Amino acid sequence: MAEPVTGFKTVRLTVPVTDEDLAGLAIGTIVYLDGVIYTGREGVYQRVLGDGHPLPLDLPAVSNVNFHCSPAASVDDDGSYRVGGVTATASFRFAKWMTEWFRLSGAKIIIGKGGMSEAHYRELFLPAGAIYLTTVGYGTGALLGRGIRGVRAVHWLEELGNAQAMWVFEVENFGPFIVDSDLEGNSLFEQQARLVNANLENLYSGLRPPALSRYGETDDRKDELI
């Protein structure tokens, strides 16, 4: 298990990233990116992996960074694109696609919101030598948009719409992002959650259970309610 995070290191990586780049990234590291990245989420995954359409570009040669994202973008009269912001979406919903996507695309970094589980990192990311970067809090879409220097291409815009199309961005100093998973499958979020939950249990230690509670409530930190 990784040691608890006590400080933050900042790095700037050029895309495509190398295995050596990723090997030096500990959870909790702050990352900025330069180069080319692309967006791909359930619409792209379904079209390629579910429906069998070929990739619209040679992803392994162009970029190995996949952003789970909904761009706030528009098309100008001259056909150029204007991107006001890029808002990450929750990645856990796409876990079922990841093994095949890693194999086909050669992706080494997934960017999104909220991370995935440690089990997903170890079962899906580790075999691919990939890591996960998470956005910093909510409402950072406009901040991230400042790092986009241009739109290289947009694929399947008419078929999938703005949010689901594959956007290929040229980026510079794009971030900040936090390393949530490393090449050992550790999760920053889950590590910190364990520390928080342990302290909560100490806080309530010795108290009697509440006399009244609502349906579905639990005091077991291992339970997940939906």
Protein backbone atom coordinates (compact mmCIF):
# COMPACT_ATOMS: atom_id res chain seq x y z
CA MET A 1 0.00 0.00 0.00
CA ALA A 2 1.26 3.48 -0.82
CA GLU A 3 2.36 5.80 1.94
CA PRO A 4 -0.15 8.55 2.87
CA VAL A 5 0.23 11.69 0.79
CA THR A 6 1.97 14.46 2.72
CA GLY A 7 2.96 16.93 -0.01
CA PHE A 8 2.43 17.81 -3.64
CA LYS A 9 4.89 17.61 -6.48
CA THR A 10 4.18 19.27 -9.85
CA VAL A 11 5.30 17.86 -13.21
CA ARG A 12 4.75 18.84 -16.83
CA LEU A 13 4.53 16.02 -19.38
CA THR A 14 4.65 15.95 -23.18
CA VAL A 15 2.06 13.80 -24.95
CA PRO A 16 2.42 11.06 -26.08
CA VAL A 17 3.65 10.15 -22.62
CA THR A 18 6.20 7.38 -22.13
CA ASP A 19 6.30 4.50 -19.69
CA GLU A 20 9.19 6.29 -17.98
CA ASP A 21 7.02 9.40 -17.52
CA LEU A 22 4.34 7.39 -15.77
CA ALA A 23 6.74 5.38 -13.63
CA GLY A 24 7.76 8.57 -11.87
CA LEU A 25 4.23 9.66 -10.96
CA ALA A 26 3.13 9.08 -7.38
CA ILE A 27 -0.48 9.52 -6.34
CA GLY A 28 -1.13 13.10 -5.36
CA THR A 29 1.24 14.53 -7.96
CA ILE A 30 -0.03 17.59 -9.85
CA VAL A 31 0.26 17.17 -13.64
CA TYR A 32 0.14 19.56 -16.59
CA LEU A 33 0.17 18.35 -20.21
CA ASP A 34 1.54 19.60 -23.53
CA GLY A 35 0.78 18.05 -26.91
CA VAL A 36 -2.32 16.38 -28.34
CA ILE A 37 -5.15 14.82 -26.35
CA TYR A 38 -8.57 13.55 -27.41
CA THR A 39 -12.00 13.20 -25.86
CA GLY A 40 -13.75 9.86 -25.82
CA ARG A 41 -16.60 8.63 -23.66
CA GLU A 42 -19.58 6.26 -23.98
CA GLY A 43 -20.66 7.51 -27.42
CA VAL A 44 -17.22 6.90 -28.90
CA TYR A 45 -16.79 3.61 -27.03
CA GLN A 46 -20.13 2.30 -28.23
CA ARG A 47 -19.47 3.36 -31.81
CA VAL A 48 -16.04 1.75 -31.95
CA LEU A 49 -16.20 -1.16 -29.52
CA GLY A 50 -19.92 -1.87 -29.61
CA ASP A 51 -20.83 -1.15 -33.24
CA GLY A 52 -17.52 -2.01 -34.84
CA HIS A 53 -16.65 1.28 -36.56
CA PRO A 54 -12.91 1.76 -37.13
CA LEU A 55 -11.05 4.47 -35.28
CA PRO A 56 -11.19 7.70 -37.30
CA LEU A 57 -7.45 8.30 -36.78
CA ASP A 58 -4.34 6.39 -35.76
CA LEU A 59 -4.65 7.07 -32.04
CA PRO A 60 -1.50 5.22 -30.92
CA ALA A 61 0.53 7.46 -33.24
CA VAL A 62 -1.25 10.71 -32.36
CA SER A 63 -2.07 10.64 -28.65
CA ASN A 64 -2.27 8.28 -25.69
CA VAL A 65 -4.30 10.59 -23.43
CA ASN A 66 -8.08 10.09 -23.37
CA PHE A 67 -10.16 12.82 -21.67
CA HIS A 68 -13.66 11.88 -20.42
CA CYS A 69 -15.10 15.26 -21.22
CA SER A 70 -17.96 17.40 -22.55
CA PRO A 71 -16.51 20.41 -24.42
CA ALA A 72 -18.34 23.72 -24.42
CA ALA A 73 -17.60 24.39 -28.09
CA SER A 74 -19.13 26.09 -31.11
CA VAL A 75 -18.39 26.37 -34.83
CA ASP A 76 -17.61 29.83 -36.25
CA ASP A 77 -18.76 31.01 -39.68
CA ASP A 78 -15.37 30.23 -41.18
CA GLY A 79 -15.58 26.61 -40.01
CA SER A 80 -13.14 27.00 -37.14
CA TYR A 81 -13.98 25.91 -33.63
CA ARG A 82 -14.21 27.96 -30.48
CA VAL A 83 -13.78 26.11 -27.18
CA GLY A 84 -14.87 27.98 -24.08
CA GLY A 85 -14.30 25.21 -21.58
CA VAL A 86 -13.91 21.47 -21.15
CA THR A 87 -15.83 19.85 -18.30
CA ALA A 88 -14.79 16.40 -17.10
CA THR A 89 -17.41 13.74 -16.59
CA ALA A 90 -17.48 10.85 -14.09
CA SER A 91 -15.36 7.97 -15.34
CA PHE A 92 -16.64 5.06 -13.26
CA ARG A 93 -19.53 4.67 -15.72
CA PHE A 94 -17.14 3.63 -18.49
CA ALA A 95 -15.28 0.86 -16.68
CA LYS A 96 -16.82 -1.88 -18.83
CA TRP A 97 -15.18 -0.43 -21.94
CA MET A 98 -11.69 0.19 -20.63
CA THR A 99 -9.92 -3.13 -21.19
CA GLU A 100 -10.76 -3.17 -24.90
CA TRP A 101 -10.19 0.57 -25.26
CA PHE A 102 -6.70 0.31 -23.80
CA ARG A 103 -5.92 -2.53 -26.20
CA LEU A 104 -7.22 -0.74 -29.28
CA SER A 105 -6.19 2.85 -28.58
CA GLY A 106 -2.93 2.44 -26.70
CA ALA A 107 -4.16 4.97 -24.10
CA LYS A 108 -1.82 5.42 -21.13
CA ILE A 109 -3.63 8.24 -19.32
CA ILE A 110 -7.34 8.57 -18.65
CA ILE A 111 -8.52 11.98 -17.43
CA GLY A 112 -11.91 12.42 -15.81
CA LYS A 113 -13.81 13.35 -12.68
CA GLY A 114 -13.98 11.44 -9.45
CA GLY A 115 -11.73 8.54 -10.36
CA MET A 116 -12.54 4.85 -10.38
CA SER A 117 -12.21 2.21 -7.68
CA GLU A 118 -8.93 0.68 -6.61
CA ALA A 119 -10.26 -2.63 -7.92
CA HIS A 120 -10.77 -1.10 -11.36
CA TYR A 121 -7.28 0.36 -11.33
CA ARG A 122 -5.75 -2.99 -10.52
CA GLU A 123 -7.93 -5.05 -12.86
CA LEU A 124 -8.17 -2.68 -15.82
CA PHE A 125 -5.39 -0.07 -15.65
CA LEU A 126 -2.46 -2.12 -14.35
CA PRO A 127 -2.39 -4.62 -17.25
CA ALA A 128 -2.37 -1.68 -19.69
CA GLY A 129 0.34 0.25 -17.83
CA ALA A 130 -2.07 3.18 -17.55
CA ILE A 131 -2.90 5.75 -14.86
CA TYR A 132 -5.80 8.02 -14.00
CA LEU A 133 -5.72 11.82 -13.64
CA THR A 134 -8.62 13.59 -11.99
CA THR A 135 -9.69 17.20 -12.34
CA VAL A 136 -9.26 19.46 -9.33
CA GLY A 137 -12.69 20.02 -7.82
CA TYR A 138 -15.77 21.19 -9.69
CA GLY A 139 -16.25 24.19 -11.95
CA THR A 140 -12.78 24.05 -13.52
CA GLY A 141 -13.94 23.71 -17.13
CA ALA A 142 -13.13 27.32 -18.04
CA LEU A 143 -9.73 27.08 -16.35
CA LEU A 144 -8.86 23.97 -18.34
CA GLY A 145 -10.14 25.64 -21.50
CA ARG A 146 -7.28 28.14 -21.26
CA GLY A 147 -4.87 25.30 -21.96
CA ILE A 148 -6.45 24.42 -25.31
CA ARG A 149 -4.47 25.99 -28.15
CA GLY A 150 -6.52 24.60 -31.00
CA VAL A 151 -8.83 21.93 -32.35
CA ARG A 152 -6.97 19.58 -34.66
CA ALA A 153 -10.07 17.64 -35.67
CA VAL A 154 -13.57 16.62 -34.60
CA HIS A 155 -14.91 13.17 -35.46
CA TRP A 156 -18.54 12.04 -35.49
CA LEU A 157 -19.87 15.44 -34.48
CA GLU A 158 -23.10 15.09 -36.48
CA GLU A 159 -23.68 11.51 -35.40
CA LEU A 160 -22.92 11.92 -31.68
CA GLY A 161 -23.25 15.63 -30.88
CA ASN A 162 -20.90 18.00 -29.06
CA ALA A 163 -20.59 16.10 -25.80
CA GLN A 164 -20.08 12.63 -27.25
CA ALA A 165 -18.01 13.35 -30.37
CA MET A 166 -14.28 12.72 -30.44
CA TRP A 167 -12.47 16.07 -30.19
CA VAL A 168 -8.75 16.18 -30.85
CA PHE A 169 -7.17 19.12 -29.00
CA GLU A 170 -3.74 20.68 -29.12
CA VAL A 171 -2.95 21.67 -25.54
CA GLU A 172 -0.28 23.61 -23.69
CA ASN A 173 0.25 23.68 -19.93
CA PHE A 174 -3.09 21.89 -19.72
CA GLY A 175 -4.18 21.31 -16.15
CA PRO A 176 -3.93 21.10 -13.23
CA PHE A 177 -4.77 17.44 -12.73
CA ILE A 178 -4.11 15.16 -9.76
CA VAL A 179 -2.72 11.65 -10.10
CA ASP A 180 -5.40 9.45 -8.56
CA SER A 181 -3.92 6.10 -9.62
CA ASP A 182 -0.31 5.04 -10.08
CA LEU A 183 1.29 2.09 -11.87
CA GLU A 184 0.81 -0.06 -8.77
CA GLY A 185 -2.96 0.44 -8.76
CA ASN A 186 -3.09 2.65 -5.66
CA SER A 187 -5.91 5.19 -5.43
CA LEU A 188 -5.44 8.60 -3.83
CA PHE A 189 -9.18 8.98 -3.19
CA GLU A 190 -9.56 5.57 -1.59
CA GLN A 191 -6.40 6.00 0.46
CA GLN A 192 -7.60 9.30 1.88
CA ALA A 193 -11.13 7.94 2.41
CA ARG A 194 -9.70 5.18 4.60
CA LEU A 195 -7.88 7.75 6.71
CA VAL A 196 -11.01 9.92 7.03
CA ASN A 197 -13.22 6.96 7.92
CA ALA A 198 -10.77 5.76 10.56
CA ASN A 199 -10.86 9.17 12.22
CA LEU A 200 -14.64 9.27 12.07
CA GLU A 201 -14.87 5.94 13.80
CA ASN A 202 -12.61 7.25 16.57
CA LEU A 203 -14.76 10.37 16.87
CA TYR A 204 -17.93 8.35 17.48
CA SER A 205 -16.22 5.65 19.53
CA GLY A 206 -18.07 4.89 22.76
CA LEU A 207 -21.33 6.56 21.76
CA ARG A 208 -24.55 4.58 21.77
CA PRO A 209 -26.33 4.08 18.42
CA PRO A 210 -28.92 6.78 17.64
CA ALA A 211 -32.41 6.09 18.97
CA LEU A 212 -34.05 7.18 15.72
CA SER A 213 -32.88 6.80 12.15
CA ARG A 214 -34.28 7.05 8.64
CA TYR A 215 -34.79 4.14 6.29
CA GLY A 216 -31.59 3.17 4.50
CA GLU A 217 -29.18 4.88 6.90
CA THR A 218 -26.10 3.04 8.06
CA ASP A 219 -23.20 3.72 10.37
CA ASP A 220 -20.97 1.18 8.63
CA ARG A 221 -18.37 3.09 6.57
CA LYS A 222 -17.96 0.08 4.28
CA ASP A 223 -21.57 0.30 3.10
CA GLU A 224 -22.40 2.13 -0.11
CA LEU A 225 -25.93 3.42 -0.45
CA ILE A 226 -27.50 4.28 -3.80
